[in-house]
């Protein structure tokens, strides 16, 4: 048997879930479940992920260098067509990153990038200290990607998932 107290709680909980679902639909946003699939439209991650490819995202968990993550595009690059970006984590919170002569350096040490299938030329940029809870991300197609060189480190709070593949 249900008591009136338990029935009231379950009704309130159901109403809260219904209200949240309506707000999400009205806002036009989605909250990723444990896995969500998106279609990549840009060439920023070529040759690793080609335009038109489906990318399955999973929950973030603990993030590591080299992982591919999706995040809400920073305001200055966001548009009606570009809401999320998919990029690779290169620099971690607390590190110093720099680009010189097509090479990347983390804390003054040359970065080995075994995940790049082909030679990818990196742009040069001044040393940057990555703030706590932020990540420096780059596209694998370095010369054709808007990334942290352009808009700075990405807050973890802007990330919606990491590539499951």
C-alpha atoms as a PDB file:
ATOM      1  CA  UNK A   1       0.000   0.000   0.000  1.00  0.00           C
ATOM      2  CA  UNK A   2       1.053   3.567  -0.667  1.00  0.00           C
ATOM      3  CA  UNK A   3       0.683   6.167   2.016  1.00  0.00           C
ATOM      4  CA  UNK A   4      -0.505   9.599   1.014  1.00  0.00           C
ATOM      5  CA  UNK A   5       2.950  10.954   1.914  1.00  0.00           C
ATOM      6  CA  UNK A   6       4.741   8.537  -0.436  1.00  0.00           C
ATOM      7  CA  UNK A   7       2.179   9.141  -3.169  1.00  0.00           C
ATOM      8  CA  UNK A   8       2.658  12.890  -2.854  1.00  0.00           C
ATOM      9  CA  UNK A   9       6.449  12.519  -3.081  1.00  0.00           C
ATOM     10  CA  UNK A  10       6.276  10.322  -6.174  1.00  0.00           C
ATOM     11  CA  UNK A  11       3.834  12.737  -7.842  1.00  0.00           C
ATOM     12  CA  UNK A  12       6.086  15.701  -7.043  1.00  0.00           C
ATOM     13  CA  UNK A  13       9.130  13.828  -8.326  1.00  0.00           C
ATOM     14  CA  UNK A  14       7.296  12.875 -11.542  1.00  0.00           C
ATOM     15  CA  UNK A  15       6.155  16.484 -11.995  1.00  0.00           C
ATOM     16  CA  UNK A  16       9.734  17.744 -11.505  1.00  0.00           C
ATOM     17  CA  UNK A  17      11.026  15.285 -14.141  1.00  0.00           C
ATOM     18  CA  UNK A  18       8.254  16.328 -16.529  1.00  0.00           C
ATOM     19  CA  UNK A  19       9.008  20.021 -15.967  1.00  0.00           C
ATOM     20  CA  UNK A  20      12.738  19.419 -16.535  1.00  0.00           C
ATOM     21  CA  UNK A  21      11.992  17.547 -19.771  1.00  0.00           C
ATOM     22  CA  UNK A  22       9.789  20.419 -20.976  1.00  0.00           C
ATOM     23  CA  UNK A  23      12.470  23.002 -20.151  1.00  0.00           C
ATOM     24  CA  UNK A  24      15.077  20.992 -22.060  1.00  0.00           C
ATOM     25  CA  UNK A  25      12.817  20.687 -25.104  1.00  0.00           C
ATOM     26  CA  UNK A  26      11.878  24.366 -24.998  1.00  0.00           C
ATOM     27  CA  UNK A  27      15.499  25.426 -24.610  1.00  0.00           C
ATOM     28  CA  UNK A  28      16.485  23.331 -27.621  1.00  0.00           C
ATOM     29  CA  UNK A  29      19.326  21.622 -25.811  1.00  0.00           C
ATOM     30  CA  UNK A  30      20.098  18.048 -25.024  1.00  0.00           C
ATOM     31  CA  UNK A  31      21.707  16.490 -22.003  1.00  0.00           C
ATOM     32  CA  UNK A  32      23.833  13.537 -23.016  1.00  0.00           C
ATOM     33  CA  UNK A  33      22.910  10.245 -21.409  1.00  0.00           C
ATOM     34  CA  UNK A  34      25.655   7.753 -20.765  1.00  0.00           C
ATOM     35  CA  UNK A  35      26.160   7.648 -24.566  1.00  0.00           C
ATOM     36  CA  UNK A  36      25.041  10.102 -27.262  1.00  0.00           C
ATOM     37  CA  UNK A  37      25.784  10.175 -30.984  1.00  0.00           C
ATOM     38  CA  UNK A  38      26.599  13.294 -33.009  1.00  0.00           C
ATOM     39  CA  UNK A  39      27.556  13.850 -36.643  1.00  0.00           C
ATOM     40  CA  UNK A  40      30.771  15.776 -37.251  1.00  0.00           C
ATOM     41  CA  UNK A  41      30.467  18.506 -39.883  1.00  0.00           C
ATOM     42  CA  UNK A  42      33.933  20.066 -39.934  1.00  0.00           C
ATOM     43  CA  UNK A  43      37.314  18.881 -41.156  1.00  0.00           C
ATOM     44  CA  UNK A  44      39.084  20.025 -37.975  1.00  0.00           C
ATOM     45  CA  UNK A  45      39.714  16.449 -36.781  1.00  0.00           C
ATOM     46  CA  UNK A  46      40.804  14.945 -40.129  1.00  0.00           C
ATOM     47  CA  UNK A  47      42.175  12.387 -40.744  1.00  0.00           C
ATOM     48  CA  UNK A  48      41.165  10.892 -37.363  1.00  0.00           C
ATOM     49  CA  UNK A  49      37.475  11.795 -37.725  1.00  0.00           C
ATOM     50  CA  UNK A  50      36.182  12.824 -41.155  1.00  0.00           C
ATOM     51  CA  UNK A  51      33.235  15.135 -41.902  1.00  0.00           C
ATOM     52  CA  UNK A  52      29.965  13.203 -41.859  1.00  0.00           C
ATOM     53  CA  UNK A  53      31.269  10.626 -39.391  1.00  0.00           C
ATOM     54  CA  UNK A  54      29.110   9.684 -36.429  1.00  0.00           C
ATOM     55  CA  UNK A  55      30.831  10.251 -33.100  1.00  0.00           C
ATOM     56  CA  UNK A  56      29.541   8.511 -29.994  1.00  0.00           C
ATOM     57  CA  UNK A  57      30.151  10.379 -26.756  1.00  0.00           C
ATOM     58  CA  UNK A  58      30.282   8.941 -23.288  1.00  0.00           C
ATOM     59  CA  UNK A  59      30.491  10.536 -19.860  1.00  0.00           C
ATOM     60  CA  UNK A  60      33.644  12.531 -19.184  1.00  0.00           C
ATOM     61  CA  UNK A  61      35.094  10.786 -16.124  1.00  0.00           C
ATOM     62  CA  UNK A  62      38.796  11.475 -15.553  1.00  0.00           C
ATOM     63  CA  UNK A  63      40.285  13.184 -18.624  1.00  0.00           C
ATOM     64  CA  UNK A  64      43.672  12.364 -20.130  1.00  0.00           C
ATOM     65  CA  UNK A  65      45.920  13.961 -22.728  1.00  0.00           C
ATOM     66  CA  UNK A  66      45.114  12.661 -26.194  1.00  0.00           C
ATOM     67  CA  UNK A  67      41.411  12.032 -25.590  1.00  0.00           C
ATOM     68  CA  UNK A  68      38.869  13.558 -27.958  1.00  0.00           C
ATOM     69  CA  UNK A  69      36.153  15.614 -26.260  1.00  0.00           C
ATOM     70  CA  UNK A  70      33.058  17.526 -27.331  1.00  0.00           C
ATOM     71  CA  UNK A  71      32.278  20.867 -25.746  1.00  0.00           C
ATOM     72  CA  UNK A  72      30.012  23.866 -26.102  1.00  0.00           C
ATOM     73  CA  UNK A  73      31.673  26.168 -28.629  1.00  0.00           C
ATOM     74  CA  UNK A  74      32.975  29.400 -27.089  1.00  0.00           C
ATOM     75  CA  UNK A  75      30.682  32.359 -27.817  1.00  0.00           C
ATOM     76  CA  UNK A  76      33.046  33.994 -30.294  1.00  0.00           C
ATOM     77  CA  UNK A  77      32.970  30.953 -32.599  1.00  0.00           C
ATOM     78  CA  UNK A  78      29.419  29.746 -31.876  1.00  0.00           C
ATOM     79  CA  UNK A  79      26.767  30.204 -34.570  1.00  0.00           C
ATOM     80  CA  UNK A  80      23.482  28.706 -35.716  1.00  0.00           C
ATOM     81  CA  UNK A  81      25.519  25.989 -37.481  1.00  0.00           C
ATOM     82  CA  UNK A  82      28.241  25.576 -34.858  1.00  0.00           C
ATOM     83  CA  UNK A  83      27.047  24.788 -31.363  1.00  0.00           C
ATOM     84  CA  UNK A  84      29.551  22.141 -30.243  1.00  0.00           C
ATOM     85  CA  UNK A  85      33.158  21.436 -31.191  1.00  0.00           C
ATOM     86  CA  UNK A  86      35.105  18.177 -31.146  1.00  0.00           C
ATOM     87  CA  UNK A  87      38.806  18.491 -30.334  1.00  0.00           C
ATOM     88  CA  UNK A  88      41.696  16.571 -28.760  1.00  0.00           C
ATOM     89  CA  UNK A  89      42.956  17.347 -25.248  1.00  0.00           C
ATOM     90  CA  UNK A  90      46.587  18.423 -25.483  1.00  0.00           C
ATOM     91  CA  UNK A  91      47.236  20.419 -22.305  1.00  0.00           C
ATOM     92  CA  UNK A  92      45.988  19.632 -18.800  1.00  0.00           C
ATOM     93  CA  UNK A  93      45.129  21.968 -15.907  1.00  0.00           C
ATOM     94  CA  UNK A  94      48.242  23.457 -14.299  1.00  0.00           C
ATOM     95  CA  UNK A  95      50.544  22.784 -17.256  1.00  0.00           C
ATOM     96  CA  UNK A  96      52.349  25.314 -19.432  1.00  0.00           C
ATOM     97  CA  UNK A  97      51.954  24.767 -23.175  1.00  0.00           C
ATOM     98  CA  UNK A  98      53.744  26.451 -26.092  1.00  0.00           C
ATOM     99  CA  UNK A  99      54.051  25.971 -29.849  1.00  0.00           C
ATOM    100  CA  UNK A 100      57.387  26.629 -31.581  1.00  0.00           C
ATOM    101  CA  UNK A 101      58.519  25.716 -35.087  1.00  0.00           C
ATOM    102  CA  UNK A 102      55.568  23.337 -35.661  1.00  0.00           C
ATOM    103  CA  UNK A 103      56.204  21.455 -32.384  1.00  0.00           C
ATOM    104  CA  UNK A 104      54.294  21.491 -29.105  1.00  0.00           C
ATOM    105  CA  UNK A 105      55.915  21.711 -25.691  1.00  0.00           C
ATOM    106  CA  UNK A 106      54.375  20.860 -22.332  1.00  0.00           C
ATOM    107  CA  UNK A 107      56.295  22.285 -19.374  1.00  0.00           C
ATOM    108  CA  UNK A 108      59.278  22.869 -21.728  1.00  0.00           C
ATOM    109  CA  UNK A 109      59.328  19.221 -22.899  1.00  0.00           C
ATOM    110  CA  UNK A 110      58.644  18.274 -26.532  1.00  0.00           C
ATOM    111  CA  UNK A 111      55.266  16.549 -26.784  1.00  0.00           C
ATOM    112  CA  UNK A 112      55.129  13.175 -28.548  1.00  0.00           C
ATOM    113  CA  UNK A 113      51.749  12.815 -30.320  1.00  0.00           C
ATOM    114  CA  UNK A 114      51.376   9.147 -31.327  1.00  0.00           C
ATOM    115  CA  UNK A 115      47.632   9.608 -31.978  1.00  0.00           C
ATOM    116  CA  UNK A 116      48.342  11.740 -35.062  1.00  0.00           C
ATOM    117  CA  UNK A 117      48.364   9.432 -38.087  1.00  0.00           C
ATOM    118  CA  UNK A 118      50.160  11.900 -40.311  1.00  0.00           C
ATOM    119  CA  UNK A 119      52.528  14.775 -39.721  1.00  0.00           C
ATOM    120  CA  UNK A 120      50.369  17.625 -38.519  1.00  0.00           C
ATOM    121  CA  UNK A 121      51.913  21.062 -38.500  1.00  0.00           C
ATOM    122  CA  UNK A 122      51.113  23.021 -35.337  1.00  0.00           C
ATOM    123  CA  UNK A 123      50.913  26.785 -35.279  1.00  0.00           C
ATOM    124  CA  UNK A 124      53.362  28.709 -33.116  1.00  0.00           C
ATOM    125  CA  UNK A 125      52.042  30.398 -29.991  1.00  0.00           C
ATOM    126  CA  UNK A 126      53.468  31.894 -26.823  1.00  0.00           C
ATOM    127  CA  UNK A 127      53.660  29.880 -23.606  1.00  0.00           C
ATOM    128  CA  UNK A 128      50.330  29.686 -21.811  1.00  0.00           C
ATOM    129  CA  UNK A 129      49.667  28.546 -18.255  1.00  0.00           C
ATOM    130  CA  UNK A 130      46.496  26.445 -18.295  1.00  0.00           C
ATOM    131  CA  UNK A 131      44.191  27.393 -15.399  1.00  0.00           C
ATOM    132  CA  UNK A 132      42.715  24.863 -12.975  1.00  0.00           C
ATOM    133  CA  UNK A 133      39.705  22.970 -14.386  1.00  0.00           C
ATOM    134  CA  UNK A 134      40.549  24.026 -17.960  1.00  0.00           C
ATOM    135  CA  UNK A 135      42.050  22.110 -20.888  1.00  0.00           C
ATOM    136  CA  UNK A 136      44.004  23.145 -23.983  1.00  0.00           C
ATOM    137  CA  UNK A 137      42.430  21.454 -27.023  1.00  0.00           C
ATOM    138  CA  UNK A 138      43.535  21.232 -30.645  1.00  0.00           C
ATOM    139  CA  UNK A 139      42.069  19.808 -33.818  1.00  0.00           C
ATOM    140  CA  UNK A 140      44.128  17.057 -35.466  1.00  0.00           C
ATOM    141  CA  UNK A 141      43.975  19.041 -38.727  1.00  0.00           C
ATOM    142  CA  UNK A 142      45.889  21.834 -37.017  1.00  0.00           C
ATOM    143  CA  UNK A 143      45.964  24.368 -39.854  1.00  0.00           C
ATOM    144  CA  UNK A 144      42.204  24.066 -40.510  1.00  0.00           C
ATOM    145  CA  UNK A 145      40.803  24.007 -36.974  1.00  0.00           C
ATOM    146  CA  UNK A 146      39.526  26.659 -34.620  1.00  0.00           C
ATOM    147  CA  UNK A 147      40.867  25.550 -31.275  1.00  0.00           C
ATOM    148  CA  UNK A 148      42.533  26.716 -28.064  1.00  0.00           C
ATOM    149  CA  UNK A 149      45.167  28.612 -30.064  1.00  0.00           C
ATOM    150  CA  UNK A 150      42.257  30.804 -31.224  1.00  0.00           C
ATOM    151  CA  UNK A 151      39.917  30.900 -28.209  1.00  0.00           C
ATOM    152  CA  UNK A 152      42.020  29.760 -25.241  1.00  0.00           C
ATOM    153  CA  UNK A 153      41.613  26.828 -22.853  1.00  0.00           C
ATOM    154  CA  UNK A 154      38.205  25.178 -22.493  1.00  0.00           C
ATOM    155  CA  UNK A 155      36.572  24.902 -19.045  1.00  0.00           C
ATOM    156  CA  UNK A 156      35.641  21.363 -18.042  1.00  0.00           C
ATOM    157  CA  UNK A 157      32.156  22.706 -17.293  1.00  0.00           C
ATOM    158  CA  UNK A 158      31.713  23.362 -21.062  1.00  0.00           C
ATOM    159  CA  UNK A 159      32.490  19.755 -21.995  1.00  0.00           C
ATOM    160  CA  UNK A 160      29.571  17.443 -22.767  1.00  0.00           C
ATOM    161  CA  UNK A 161      31.368  14.139 -23.340  1.00  0.00           C
ATOM    162  CA  UNK A 162      34.394  12.272 -24.654  1.00  0.00           C
ATOM    163  CA  UNK A 163      34.650  10.154 -27.752  1.00  0.00           C
ATOM    164  CA  UNK A 164      33.782   6.546 -27.070  1.00  0.00           C
ATOM    165  CA  UNK A 165      35.819   5.325 -30.028  1.00  0.00           C
END
